[in-house]
PDB file of N, CA and C in Angstrom:
ATOM      1  N   MET A   1      -8.600 -11.677 -20.619  1.00  0.00           N
ATOM      2  CA  MET A   1      -7.557 -11.299 -19.713  1.00  0.00           C
ATOM      3  C   MET A   1      -7.773  -9.846 -19.314  1.00  0.00           C
ATOM      4  N   ALA A   2      -7.467  -9.524 -18.067  1.00  0.00           N
ATOM      5  CA  ALA A   2      -7.659  -8.178 -17.548  1.00  0.00           C
ATOM      6  C   ALA A   2      -6.410  -7.717 -16.810  1.00  0.00           C
ATOM      7  N   LEU A   3      -6.214  -6.422 -16.761  1.00  0.00           N
ATOM      8  CA  LEU A   3      -5.128  -5.857 -15.978  1.00  0.00           C
ATOM      9  C   LEU A   3      -5.461  -6.046 -14.507  1.00  0.00           C
ATOM     10  N   LEU A   4      -4.579  -6.704 -13.764  1.00  0.00           N
ATOM     11  CA  LEU A   4      -4.825  -6.991 -12.360  1.00  0.00           C
ATOM     12  C   LEU A   4      -4.129  -6.025 -11.424  1.00  0.00           C
ATOM     13  N   PHE A   5      -2.971  -5.506 -11.841  1.00  0.00           N
ATOM     14  CA  PHE A   5      -2.215  -4.608 -10.966  1.00  0.00           C
ATOM     15  C   PHE A   5      -1.172  -3.864 -11.778  1.00  0.00           C
ATOM     16  N   ILE A   6      -0.974  -2.598 -11.455  1.00  0.00           N
ATOM     17  CA  ILE A   6       0.089  -1.804 -12.078  1.00  0.00           C
ATOM     18  C   ILE A   6       0.582  -0.824 -11.028  1.00  0.00           C
ATOM     19  N   ASP A   7       1.872  -0.531 -11.051  1.00  0.00           N
ATOM     20  CA  ASP A   7       2.419   0.378 -10.048  1.00  0.00           C
ATOM     21  C   ASP A   7       3.579   1.157 -10.633  1.00  0.00           C
ATOM     22  N   GLY A   8       3.560   2.459 -10.461  1.00  0.00           N
ATOM     23  CA  GLY A   8       4.632   3.304 -10.943  1.00  0.00           C
ATOM     24  C   GLY A   8       5.476   3.884  -9.818  1.00  0.00           C
ATOM     25  N   PHE A   9       5.082   3.653  -8.573  1.00  0.00           N
ATOM     26  CA  PHE A   9       5.805   4.093  -7.380  1.00  0.00           C
ATOM     27  C   PHE A   9       5.878   5.614  -7.241  1.00  0.00           C
ATOM     28  N   ASP A  10       5.026   6.344  -7.943  1.00  0.00           N
ATOM     29  CA  ASP A  10       5.012   7.798  -7.851  1.00  0.00           C
ATOM     30  C   ASP A  10       4.103   8.313  -6.737  1.00  0.00           C
ATOM     31  N   HIS A  11       3.200   7.517  -6.272  1.00  0.00           N
ATOM     32  CA  HIS A  11       2.125   8.016  -5.430  1.00  0.00           C
ATOM     33  C   HIS A  11       2.213   7.655  -3.953  1.00  0.00           C
ATOM     34  N   TYR A  12       3.310   7.075  -3.497  1.00  0.00           N
ATOM     35  CA  TYR A  12       3.429   6.817  -2.067  1.00  0.00           C
ATOM     36  C   TYR A  12       4.874   6.852  -1.596  1.00  0.00           C
ATOM     37  N   GLN A  13       5.031   6.778  -0.284  1.00  0.00           N
ATOM     38  CA  GLN A  13       6.343   6.862   0.347  1.00  0.00           C
ATOM     39  C   GLN A  13       6.786   5.476   0.815  1.00  0.00           C
ATOM     40  N   THR A  14       8.019   5.388   1.281  1.00  0.00           N
ATOM     41  CA  THR A  14       8.577   4.123   1.767  1.00  0.00           C
ATOM     42  C   THR A  14       7.680   3.488   2.829  1.00  0.00           C
ATOM     43  N   SER A  15       7.128   4.299   3.723  1.00  0.00           N
ATOM     44  CA  SER A  15       6.285   3.758   4.797  1.00  0.00           C
ATOM     45  C   SER A  15       5.002   3.123   4.264  1.00  0.00           C
ATOM     46  N   ASP A  16       4.650   3.383   2.997  1.00  0.00           N
ATOM     47  CA  ASP A  16       3.444   2.816   2.401  1.00  0.00           C
ATOM     48  C   ASP A  16       3.688   1.477   1.694  1.00  0.00           C
ATOM     49  N   ILE A  17       4.928   1.045   1.539  1.00  0.00           N
ATOM     50  CA  ILE A  17       5.230  -0.203   0.824  1.00  0.00           C
ATOM     51  C   ILE A  17       4.442  -1.392   1.392  1.00  0.00           C
ATOM     52  N   PRO A  18       4.360  -1.571   2.720  1.00  0.00           N
ATOM     53  CA  PRO A  18       3.611  -2.733   3.246  1.00  0.00           C
ATOM     54  C   PRO A  18       2.123  -2.750   2.907  1.00  0.00           C
ATOM     55  N   LYS A  19       1.566  -1.635   2.471  1.00  0.00           N
ATOM     56  CA  LYS A  19       0.156  -1.613   2.075  1.00  0.00           C
ATOM     57  C   LYS A  19      -0.075  -2.378   0.779  1.00  0.00           C
ATOM     58  N   ASN A  20       0.939  -2.465  -0.089  1.00  0.00           N
ATOM     59  CA  ASN A  20       0.803  -3.129  -1.387  1.00  0.00           C
ATOM     60  C   ASN A  20       1.682  -4.356  -1.564  1.00  0.00           C
ATOM     61  N   TYR A  21       2.703  -4.498  -0.748  1.00  0.00           N
ATOM     62  CA  TYR A  21       3.681  -5.576  -0.944  1.00  0.00           C
ATOM     63  C   TYR A  21       4.063  -6.216   0.376  1.00  0.00           C
ATOM     64  N   SER A  22       4.467  -7.477   0.305  1.00  0.00           N
ATOM     65  CA  SER A  22       5.179  -8.121   1.400  1.00  0.00           C
ATOM     66  C   SER A  22       6.644  -7.901   1.097  1.00  0.00           C
ATOM     67  N   GLN A  23       7.465  -7.656   2.116  1.00  0.00           N
ATOM     68  CA  GLN A  23       8.870  -7.416   1.846  1.00  0.00           C
ATOM     69  C   GLN A  23       9.762  -8.147   2.823  1.00  0.00           C
ATOM     70  N   SER A  24      11.034  -8.236   2.449  1.00  0.00           N
ATOM     71  CA  SER A  24      12.003  -8.949   3.270  1.00  0.00           C
ATOM     72  C   SER A  24      12.177  -8.245   4.606  1.00  0.00           C
ATOM     73  N   SER A  25      12.459  -9.023   5.620  1.00  0.00           N
ATOM     74  CA  SER A  25      12.723  -8.463   6.939  1.00  0.00           C
ATOM     75  C   SER A  25      14.196  -8.654   7.316  1.00  0.00           C
ATOM     76  N   VAL A  26      14.987  -9.118   6.370  1.00  0.00           N
ATOM     77  CA  VAL A  26      16.408  -9.347   6.602  1.00  0.00           C
ATOM     78  C   VAL A  26      17.209  -8.389   5.732  1.00  0.00           C
ATOM     79  N   GLY A  27      18.254  -7.825   6.261  1.00  0.00           N
ATOM     80  CA  GLY A  27      19.102  -6.931   5.475  1.00  0.00           C
ATOM     81  C   GLY A  27      18.481  -5.561   5.309  1.00  0.00           C
ATOM     82  N   THR A  28      18.976  -4.814   4.339  1.00  0.00           N
ATOM     83  CA  THR A  28      18.497  -3.464   4.063  1.00  0.00           C
ATOM     84  C   THR A  28      17.124  -3.541   3.399  1.00  0.00           C
ATOM     85  N   PRO A  29      16.118  -2.850   3.951  1.00  0.00           N
ATOM     86  CA  PRO A  29      14.771  -2.940   3.366  1.00  0.00           C
ATOM     87  C   PRO A  29      14.617  -2.140   2.078  1.00  0.00           C
ATOM     88  N   ALA A  30      13.572  -2.446   1.347  1.00  0.00           N
ATOM     89  CA  ALA A  30      13.214  -1.697   0.137  1.00  0.00           C
ATOM     90  C   ALA A  30      12.793  -0.290   0.519  1.00  0.00           C
ATOM     91  N   THR A  31      13.035   0.654  -0.382  1.00  0.00           N
ATOM     92  CA  THR A  31      12.632   2.042  -0.159  1.00  0.00           C
ATOM     93  C   THR A  31      12.030   2.606  -1.450  1.00  0.00           C
ATOM     94  N   ILE A  32      11.306   3.705  -1.316  1.00  0.00           N
ATOM     95  CA  ILE A  32      10.804   4.446  -2.466  1.00  0.00           C
ATOM     96  C   ILE A  32      11.707   5.662  -2.654  1.00  0.00           C
ATOM     97  N   LEU A  33      12.247   5.827  -3.858  1.00  0.00           N
ATOM     98  CA  LEU A  33      13.035   7.009  -4.191  1.00  0.00           C
ATOM     99  C   LEU A  33      12.126   7.914  -5.032  1.00  0.00           C
ATOM    100  N   PRO A  34      11.727   9.077  -4.520  1.00  0.00           N
ATOM    101  CA  PRO A  34      10.684   9.879  -5.151  1.00  0.00           C
ATOM    102  C   PRO A  34      11.027  10.504  -6.497  1.00  0.00           C
ATOM    103  N   THR A  35      12.303  10.683  -6.832  1.00  0.00           N
ATOM    104  CA  THR A  35      12.647  11.356  -8.087  1.00  0.00           C
ATOM    105  C   THR A  35      13.699  10.601  -8.892  1.00  0.00           C
ATOM    106  N   SER A  36      13.907   9.329  -8.626  1.00  0.00           N
ATOM    107  CA  SER A  36      14.972   8.570  -9.299  1.00  0.00           C
ATOM    108  C   SER A  36      14.474   7.632 -10.391  1.00  0.00           C
ATOM    109  N   GLY A  37      13.193   7.679 -10.714  1.00  0.00           N
ATOM    110  CA  GLY A  37      12.660   6.843 -11.783  1.00  0.00           C
ATOM    111  C   GLY A  37      13.176   7.299 -13.139  1.00  0.00           C
ATOM    112  N   ARG A  38      12.967   6.498 -14.158  1.00  0.00           N
ATOM    113  CA  ARG A  38      13.554   6.813 -15.463  1.00  0.00           C
ATOM    114  C   ARG A  38      12.984   8.059 -16.118  1.00  0.00           C
ATOM    115  N   ARG A  39      11.848   8.531 -15.689  1.00  0.00           N
ATOM    116  CA  ARG A  39      11.277   9.777 -16.212  1.00  0.00           C
ATOM    117  C   ARG A  39      11.208  10.860 -15.136  1.00  0.00           C
ATOM    118  N   GLY A  40      12.003  10.706 -14.071  1.00  0.00           N
ATOM    119  CA  GLY A  40      12.035  11.693 -13.000  1.00  0.00           C
ATOM    120  C   GLY A  40      11.002  11.476 -11.918  1.00  0.00           C
ATOM    121  N   GLY A  41      10.198  10.431 -12.032  1.00  0.00           N
ATOM    122  CA  GLY A  41       9.213  10.112 -11.011  1.00  0.00           C
ATOM    123  C   GLY A  41       9.776   9.144  -9.987  1.00  0.00           C
ATOM    124  N   GLY A  42       8.913   8.518  -9.236  1.00  0.00           N
ATOM    125  CA  GLY A  42       9.331   7.612  -8.191  1.00  0.00           C
ATOM    126  C   GLY A  42       9.762   6.253  -8.712  1.00  0.00           C
ATOM    127  N   CYS A  43      10.513   5.533  -7.869  1.00  0.00           N
ATOM    128  CA  CYS A  43      10.914   4.171  -8.209  1.00  0.00           C
ATOM    129  C   CYS A  43      11.090   3.370  -6.928  1.00  0.00           C
ATOM    130  N   LEU A  44      11.043   2.062  -7.066  1.00  0.00           N
ATOM    131  CA  LEU A  44      11.289   1.146  -5.961  1.00  0.00           C
ATOM    132  C   LEU A  44      12.773   0.836  -5.942  1.00  0.00           C
ATOM    133  N   ASN A  45      13.414   1.042  -4.810  1.00  0.00           N
ATOM    134  CA  ASN A  45      14.843   0.784  -4.646  1.00  0.00           C
ATOM    135  C   ASN A  45      15.007  -0.498  -3.827  1.00  0.00           C
ATOM    136  N   LEU A  46      15.672  -1.480  -4.421  1.00  0.00           N
ATOM    137  CA  LEU A  46      15.907  -2.764  -3.755  1.00  0.00           C
ATOM    138  C   LEU A  46      17.411  -2.937  -3.530  1.00  0.00           C
ATOM    139  N   PRO A  47      17.939  -2.444  -2.414  1.00  0.00           N
ATOM    140  CA  PRO A  47      19.369  -2.558  -2.158  1.00  0.00           C
ATOM    141  C   PRO A  47      19.759  -3.963  -1.700  1.00  0.00           C
ATOM    142  N   ASN A  48      20.953  -4.372  -2.091  1.00  0.00           N
ATOM    143  CA  ASN A  48      21.543  -5.640  -1.656  1.00  0.00           C
ATOM    144  C   ASN A  48      20.577  -6.801  -1.771  1.00  0.00           C
ATOM    145  N   SER A  49      20.174  -7.396  -0.655  1.00  0.00           N
ATOM    146  CA  SER A  49      19.335  -8.595  -0.691  1.00  0.00           C
ATOM    147  C   SER A  49      17.860  -8.299  -0.431  1.00  0.00           C
ATOM    148  N   ALA A  50      17.429  -7.062  -0.609  1.00  0.00           N
ATOM    149  CA  ALA A  50      16.021  -6.708  -0.374  1.00  0.00           C
ATOM    150  C   ALA A  50      15.133  -7.297  -1.472  1.00  0.00           C
ATOM    151  N   TRP A  51      13.889  -7.588  -1.129  1.00  0.00           N
ATOM    152  CA  TRP A  51      12.916  -8.082  -2.099  1.00  0.00           C
ATOM    153  C   TRP A  51      11.520  -7.693  -1.665  1.00  0.00           C
ATOM    154  N   VAL A  52      10.598  -7.663  -2.607  1.00  0.00           N
ATOM    155  CA  VAL A  52       9.182  -7.451  -2.327  1.00  0.00           C
ATOM    156  C   VAL A  52       8.374  -8.483  -3.103  1.00  0.00           C
ATOM    157  N   ILE A  53       7.199  -8.804  -2.599  1.00  0.00           N
ATOM    158  CA  ILE A  53       6.299  -9.759  -3.254  1.00  0.00           C
ATOM    159  C   ILE A  53       4.929  -9.115  -3.374  1.00  0.00           C
ATOM    160  N   LYS A  54       4.320  -9.243  -4.541  1.00  0.00           N
ATOM    161  CA  LYS A  54       2.945  -8.788  -4.748  1.00  0.00           C
ATOM    162  C   LYS A  54       2.094 -10.008  -5.060  1.00  0.00           C
ATOM    163  N   ASN A  55       1.131 -10.297  -4.224  1.00  0.00           N
ATOM    164  CA  ASN A  55       0.216 -11.402  -4.471  1.00  0.00           C
ATOM    165  C   ASN A  55      -0.958 -10.896  -5.298  1.00  0.00           C
ATOM    166  N   ILE A  56      -1.275 -11.632  -6.345  1.00  0.00           N
ATOM    167  CA  ILE A  56      -2.428 -11.296  -7.185  1.00  0.00           C
ATOM    168  C   ILE A  56      -3.315 -12.526  -7.283  1.00  0.00           C
ATOM    169  N   ALA A  57      -4.515 -12.328  -7.778  1.00  0.00           N
ATOM    170  CA  ALA A  57      -5.449 -13.433  -7.929  1.00  0.00           C
ATOM    171  C   ALA A  57      -4.843 -14.509  -8.827  1.00  0.00           C
ATOM    172  N   SER A  58      -5.115 -15.753  -8.511  1.00  0.00           N
ATOM    173  CA  SER A  58      -4.558 -16.838  -9.321  1.00  0.00           C
ATOM    174  C   SER A  58      -5.187 -16.833 -10.716  1.00  0.00           C
ATOM    175  N   SER A  59      -4.391 -17.235 -11.675  1.00  0.00           N
ATOM    176  CA  SER A  59      -4.820 -17.251 -13.059  1.00  0.00           C
ATOM    177  C   SER A  59      -3.996 -18.276 -13.808  1.00  0.00           C
ATOM    178  N   THR A  60      -4.532 -18.784 -14.899  1.00  0.00           N
ATOM    179  CA  THR A  60      -3.786 -19.737 -15.715  1.00  0.00           C
ATOM    180  C   THR A  60      -2.613 -19.053 -16.405  1.00  0.00           C
ATOM    181  N   ASN A  61      -2.822 -17.850 -16.916  1.00  0.00           N
ATOM    182  CA  ASN A  61      -1.776 -17.103 -17.616  1.00  0.00           C
ATOM    183  C   ASN A  61      -1.569 -15.761 -16.945  1.00  0.00           C
ATOM    184  N   VAL A  62      -0.316 -15.432 -16.691  1.00  0.00           N
ATOM    185  CA  VAL A  62       0.029 -14.145 -16.107  1.00  0.00           C
ATOM    186  C   VAL A  62       1.177 -13.550 -16.912  1.00  0.00           C
ATOM    187  N   ILE A  63       1.048 -12.299 -17.294  1.00  0.00           N
ATOM    188  CA  ILE A  63       2.112 -11.590 -17.996  1.00  0.00           C
ATOM    189  C   ILE A  63       2.638 -10.512 -17.061  1.00  0.00           C
ATOM    190  N   VAL A  64       3.945 -10.477 -16.885  1.00  0.00           N
ATOM    191  CA  VAL A  64       4.580  -9.531 -15.984  1.00  0.00           C
ATOM    192  C   VAL A  64       5.548  -8.669 -16.782  1.00  0.00           C
ATOM    193  N   GLY A  65       5.535  -7.378 -16.529  1.00  0.00           N
ATOM    194  CA  GLY A  65       6.480  -6.474 -17.174  1.00  0.00           C
ATOM    195  C   GLY A  65       7.158  -5.615 -16.123  1.00  0.00           C
ATOM    196  N   ALA A  66       8.400  -5.245 -16.371  1.00  0.00           N
ATOM    197  CA  ALA A  66       9.138  -4.409 -15.425  1.00  0.00           C
ATOM    198  C   ALA A  66      10.225  -3.651 -16.147  1.00  0.00           C
ATOM    199  N   ALA A  67      10.544  -2.480 -15.630  1.00  0.00           N
ATOM    200  CA  ALA A  67      11.718  -1.728 -16.075  1.00  0.00           C
ATOM    201  C   ALA A  67      12.717  -1.796 -14.938  1.00  0.00           C
ATOM    202  N   ILE A  68      13.911  -2.240 -15.225  1.00  0.00           N
ATOM    203  CA  ILE A  68      14.916  -2.467 -14.185  1.00  0.00           C
ATOM    204  C   ILE A  68      16.187  -1.707 -14.525  1.00  0.00           C
ATOM    205  N   ASN A  69      16.755  -1.052 -13.526  1.00  0.00           N
ATOM    206  CA  ASN A  69      18.031  -0.371 -13.673  1.00  0.00           C
ATOM    207  C   ASN A  69      18.994  -0.977 -12.666  1.00  0.00           C
ATOM    208  N   LEU A  70      19.949  -1.751 -13.137  1.00  0.00           N
ATOM    209  CA  LEU A  70      20.955  -2.353 -12.263  1.00  0.00           C
ATOM    210  C   LEU A  70      22.154  -1.418 -12.204  1.00  0.00           C
ATOM    211  N   THR A  71      22.306  -0.724 -11.072  1.00  0.00           N
ATOM    212  CA  THR A  71      23.436   0.182 -10.947  1.00  0.00           C
ATOM    213  C   THR A  71      24.717  -0.576 -10.649  1.00  0.00           C
ATOM    214  N   THR A  72      24.603  -1.702  -9.960  1.00  0.00           N
ATOM    215  CA  THR A  72      25.751  -2.557  -9.690  1.00  0.00           C
ATOM    216  C   THR A  72      25.296  -3.985  -9.837  1.00  0.00           C
ATOM    217  N   ALA A  73      25.888  -4.715 -10.738  1.00  0.00           N
ATOM    218  CA  ALA A  73      25.532  -6.117 -10.932  1.00  0.00           C
ATOM    219  C   ALA A  73      26.805  -6.948 -10.861  1.00  0.00           C
ATOM    220  N   THR A  74      27.006  -7.596  -9.733  1.00  0.00           N
ATOM    221  CA  THR A  74      28.172  -8.448  -9.567  1.00  0.00           C
ATOM    222  C   THR A  74      27.725  -9.812  -9.085  1.00  0.00           C
ATOM    223  N   GLY A  75      28.516 -10.815  -9.305  1.00  0.00           N
ATOM    224  CA  GLY A  75      28.186 -12.166  -8.863  1.00  0.00           C
ATOM    225  C   GLY A  75      27.334 -12.884  -9.874  1.00  0.00           C
ATOM    226  N   GLN A  76      27.198 -14.157  -9.703  1.00  0.00           N
ATOM    227  CA  GLN A  76      26.476 -14.967 -10.672  1.00  0.00           C
ATOM    228  C   GLN A  76      24.971 -14.960 -10.488  1.00  0.00           C
ATOM    229  N   ASN A  77      24.448 -14.377  -9.400  1.00  0.00           N
ATOM    230  CA  ASN A  77      23.002 -14.343  -9.163  1.00  0.00           C
ATOM    231  C   ASN A  77      22.329 -13.097  -9.702  1.00  0.00           C
ATOM    232  N   ASN A  78      23.074 -12.187 -10.309  1.00  0.00           N
ATOM    233  CA  ASN A  78      22.493 -10.937 -10.793  1.00  0.00           C
ATOM    234  C   ASN A  78      22.141 -11.005 -12.257  1.00  0.00           C
TER     235      ASN A  78
END
């Protein structure tokens, strides 16, 4: 098994998101917040119904890790 992709969101701006991700075109789009990450670095901000997708090479086993900060979690879908 090999590391296929990792992202800390520290090295680019909101306008660079389409270079690495497909994102929703409905509602408020995803943005990069340059100093709001958990260690003061950048983070991906997904407001309301925003989403992003990262396509990686197909594999039998994939392990995904993420750090998530839910500032507002309401409703049964959160």
